[in-house]
Amino acid sequence: MSGRAHHRTEDDTVLAAGCVLWRRAAEGGGVELAIVYRPKWDDWSHPKGKLKRGETAREAAVREVLEETGMTCDPGSELPTTRYVTEGRPKEVRYWAAEATGGSFSPNREVTAVRWLPPADAREQLTWERDKWLVTALLGTERLPGTVRPENRRPSSSPNSTPEAGKPEREQPTE
């Protein structure tokens, strides 16, 4: 949003934070993950955004979930940090696993749709490989209802690898 002061590091890295937001599925005992559609960038991603000055990454992650999805959440384990270059500047995004605790979505200028999907379907719908990788990280980190933890090994591709499969070679936009 314009008019906000955002936090950057000395090397001009843009600092951001977000959550892989989950809830208990209504049926089947498993979980569903929230993914958001950003029409400005024509992508599906996890809720995330830039830190405001004086705000911790965890505070920013919770705020961004509320702003983008309308949901309150309870952050759990920290997930891997992603790093990439966008609009010519390095960006670092810290993520947390977070259980949705209430709220409801209303379309807004940044996010026009939220989908709650089983993990495999969310992974398929997500635009960026680094976001897909975070689903795997969530399933390996959190004890989620009705899920089986994958083996404790990293996926064969890093969330920082480029170019990203399924998306034309272009920089990912900032929030």
Protein backbone atom coordinates (compact mmCIF):
# COMPACT_ATOMS: atom_id res chain seq x y z
CA MET A 1 0.00 0.00 0.00
CA SER A 2 1.27 3.46 -0.72
CA GLY A 3 2.22 5.69 2.16
CA ARG A 4 3.57 2.85 4.31
CA ALA A 5 7.15 2.78 5.46
CA HIS A 6 8.62 -0.66 4.78
CA HIS A 7 11.61 -2.22 6.42
CA ARG A 8 14.70 -3.06 4.35
CA THR A 9 18.16 -4.26 5.25
CA GLU A 10 21.42 -2.39 4.61
CA ASP A 11 21.79 -4.17 1.26
CA ASP A 12 18.26 -2.98 0.31
CA THR A 13 16.71 -6.44 0.77
CA VAL A 14 12.94 -6.10 1.05
CA LEU A 15 11.75 -7.90 4.19
CA ALA A 16 8.38 -9.63 4.13
CA ALA A 17 6.50 -12.29 6.06
CA GLY A 18 3.53 -14.58 5.61
CA CYS A 19 1.83 -17.78 6.65
CA VAL A 20 0.88 -21.11 5.21
CA LEU A 21 -2.62 -20.86 6.62
CA TRP A 22 -4.51 -24.06 7.43
CA ARG A 23 -7.77 -25.16 9.00
CA ARG A 24 -9.37 -28.46 9.92
CA ALA A 25 -11.39 -29.83 7.01
CA ALA A 26 -15.13 -30.05 7.57
CA GLU A 27 -15.12 -33.66 6.34
CA GLY A 28 -12.55 -36.43 6.37
CA GLY A 29 -10.49 -35.33 9.36
CA GLY A 30 -7.71 -33.70 7.29
CA VAL A 31 -6.76 -30.09 6.70
CA GLU A 32 -7.29 -27.45 4.06
CA LEU A 33 -4.83 -24.71 3.14
CA ALA A 34 -5.76 -21.16 2.18
CA ILE A 35 -4.27 -19.77 -1.01
CA VAL A 36 -4.92 -16.25 -2.29
CA TYR A 37 -5.38 -14.88 -5.81
CA ARG A 38 -3.66 -11.57 -6.56
CA PRO A 39 -5.08 -10.19 -9.83
CA LYS A 40 -2.36 -7.54 -10.18
CA TRP A 41 0.18 -10.35 -10.59
CA ASP A 42 -2.19 -13.03 -11.90
CA ASP A 43 -0.93 -15.55 -9.35
CA TRP A 44 -2.01 -17.85 -6.53
CA SER A 45 0.18 -17.66 -3.45
CA HIS A 46 0.25 -17.83 0.33
CA PRO A 47 -0.77 -14.66 2.17
CA LYS A 48 2.30 -12.49 2.71
CA GLY A 49 3.50 -8.92 2.60
CA LYS A 50 6.17 -6.41 3.53
CA LEU A 51 7.09 -5.58 7.10
CA LYS A 52 6.23 -2.15 8.41
CA ARG A 53 8.91 -0.25 10.33
CA GLY A 54 9.13 -1.46 13.93
CA GLU A 55 7.08 -4.58 13.20
CA THR A 56 8.49 -8.06 13.77
CA ALA A 57 8.27 -10.63 10.98
CA ARG A 58 5.79 -12.70 12.99
CA GLU A 59 3.59 -9.65 13.63
CA ALA A 60 3.68 -8.82 9.92
CA ALA A 61 2.75 -12.39 8.98
CA VAL A 62 -0.33 -12.34 11.23
CA ARG A 63 -1.32 -8.86 9.98
CA GLU A 64 -0.96 -9.88 6.33
CA VAL A 65 -3.12 -12.99 6.87
CA LEU A 66 -5.85 -10.80 8.34
CA GLU A 67 -5.56 -8.14 5.61
CA GLU A 68 -5.50 -10.59 2.71
CA THR A 69 -7.83 -13.35 3.92
CA GLY A 70 -9.96 -11.78 6.66
CA MET A 71 -8.85 -14.61 8.96
CA THR A 72 -7.31 -14.45 12.40
CA CYS A 73 -4.68 -17.10 13.04
CA ASP A 74 -2.46 -18.79 15.57
CA PRO A 75 1.11 -19.02 14.23
CA GLY A 76 2.99 -22.21 15.01
CA SER A 77 6.31 -23.41 13.68
CA GLU A 78 8.46 -21.17 11.55
CA LEU A 79 8.84 -22.56 8.04
CA PRO A 80 11.78 -22.06 5.65
CA THR A 81 12.55 -18.52 4.53
CA THR A 82 12.43 -17.85 0.81
CA ARG A 83 14.81 -15.47 -0.95
CA TYR A 84 14.57 -14.20 -4.50
CA VAL A 85 15.02 -11.10 -6.62
CA THR A 86 12.01 -9.07 -7.64
CA GLU A 87 11.89 -5.75 -9.45
CA GLY A 88 15.68 -5.73 -9.36
CA ARG A 89 15.95 -6.02 -5.56
CA PRO A 90 16.51 -8.97 -3.26
CA LYS A 91 13.51 -10.04 -1.20
CA GLU A 92 13.40 -12.25 1.89
CA VAL A 93 10.10 -13.73 3.08
CA ARG A 94 9.81 -15.50 6.43
CA TYR A 95 6.86 -17.89 6.83
CA TRP A 96 5.00 -19.55 9.68
CA ALA A 97 2.56 -22.42 9.76
CA ALA A 98 -0.65 -20.90 11.11
CA GLU A 99 -4.01 -22.35 12.06
CA ALA A 100 -6.99 -20.19 11.10
CA THR A 101 -8.97 -19.32 14.22
CA GLY A 102 -11.83 -17.22 12.84
CA GLY A 103 -12.96 -14.58 10.39
CA SER A 104 -14.26 -14.47 6.86
CA PHE A 105 -12.97 -13.31 3.50
CA SER A 106 -14.09 -10.18 1.67
CA PRO A 107 -12.48 -9.39 -1.69
CA ASN A 108 -10.12 -6.41 -1.50
CA ARG A 109 -7.83 -4.50 -3.84
CA GLU A 110 -4.89 -6.89 -3.36
CA VAL A 111 -6.69 -10.24 -3.11
CA THR A 112 -9.90 -11.06 -4.95
CA ALA A 113 -10.25 -14.73 -4.05
CA VAL A 114 -9.28 -17.22 -1.35
CA ARG A 115 -9.49 -20.95 -1.89
CA TRP A 116 -9.40 -23.55 0.88
CA LEU A 117 -7.96 -26.73 -0.60
CA PRO A 118 -6.48 -30.04 0.54
CA PRO A 119 -2.67 -29.81 0.58
CA ALA A 120 -2.13 -31.69 -2.71
CA ASP A 121 -4.69 -29.51 -4.52
CA ALA A 122 -3.22 -26.33 -3.00
CA ARG A 123 0.25 -27.36 -4.14
CA GLU A 124 -1.10 -27.88 -7.66
CA GLN A 125 -2.91 -24.51 -7.74
CA LEU A 126 -0.03 -22.40 -6.40
CA THR A 127 1.78 -20.47 -9.13
CA TRP A 128 5.32 -20.34 -7.75
CA GLU A 129 7.53 -23.36 -7.04
CA ARG A 130 8.77 -21.81 -3.79
CA ASP A 131 5.15 -21.63 -2.57
CA LYS A 132 4.55 -25.26 -3.54
CA TRP A 133 7.67 -26.22 -1.61
CA LEU A 134 6.28 -24.51 1.51
CA VAL A 135 3.31 -26.92 1.47
CA THR A 136 5.78 -29.80 1.70
CA ALA A 137 7.63 -27.98 4.48
CA LEU A 138 4.37 -27.45 6.39
CA LEU A 139 3.45 -31.13 6.16
CA GLY A 140 6.90 -32.11 7.41
CA THR A 141 6.91 -29.64 10.30
CA GLU A 142 3.43 -29.41 11.79
CA ARG A 143 1.36 -32.17 13.32
CA LEU A 144 -1.79 -31.57 11.36
CA PRO A 145 -5.05 -33.46 11.81
CA GLY A 146 -5.47 -36.31 9.34
CA THR A 147 -2.13 -35.87 7.58
CA VAL A 148 0.85 -38.15 7.33
CA ARG A 149 4.21 -36.48 7.73
CA PRO A 150 6.51 -36.99 4.74
CA GLU A 151 9.99 -38.35 5.32
CA ASN A 152 12.26 -35.86 7.03
CA ARG A 153 14.17 -34.83 3.96
CA ARG A 154 14.23 -31.72 1.84
CA PRO A 155 12.45 -31.76 -1.50
CA SER A 156 14.76 -32.23 -4.47
CA SER A 157 14.29 -28.65 -5.60
CA SER A 158 15.04 -25.62 -3.47
CA PRO A 159 12.45 -22.89 -3.02
CA ASN A 160 15.07 -20.47 -4.34
CA SER A 161 15.68 -22.23 -7.66
CA THR A 162 14.99 -20.28 -10.83
CA PRO A 163 13.37 -20.16 -13.28
CA GLU A 164 10.22 -21.47 -11.69
CA ALA A 165 8.32 -24.27 -13.35
CA GLY A 166 4.85 -23.43 -14.50
CA LYS A 167 5.49 -19.70 -14.64
CA PRO A 168 7.14 -17.74 -17.45
CA GLU A 169 10.55 -16.33 -16.68
CA ARG A 170 9.83 -13.00 -15.01
CA GLU A 171 10.43 -11.59 -11.61
CA GLN A 172 7.84 -12.20 -8.94
CA PRO A 173 6.22 -8.94 -7.89
CA THR A 174 6.39 -7.46 -4.44
CA GLU A 175 3.27 -7.13 -2.39
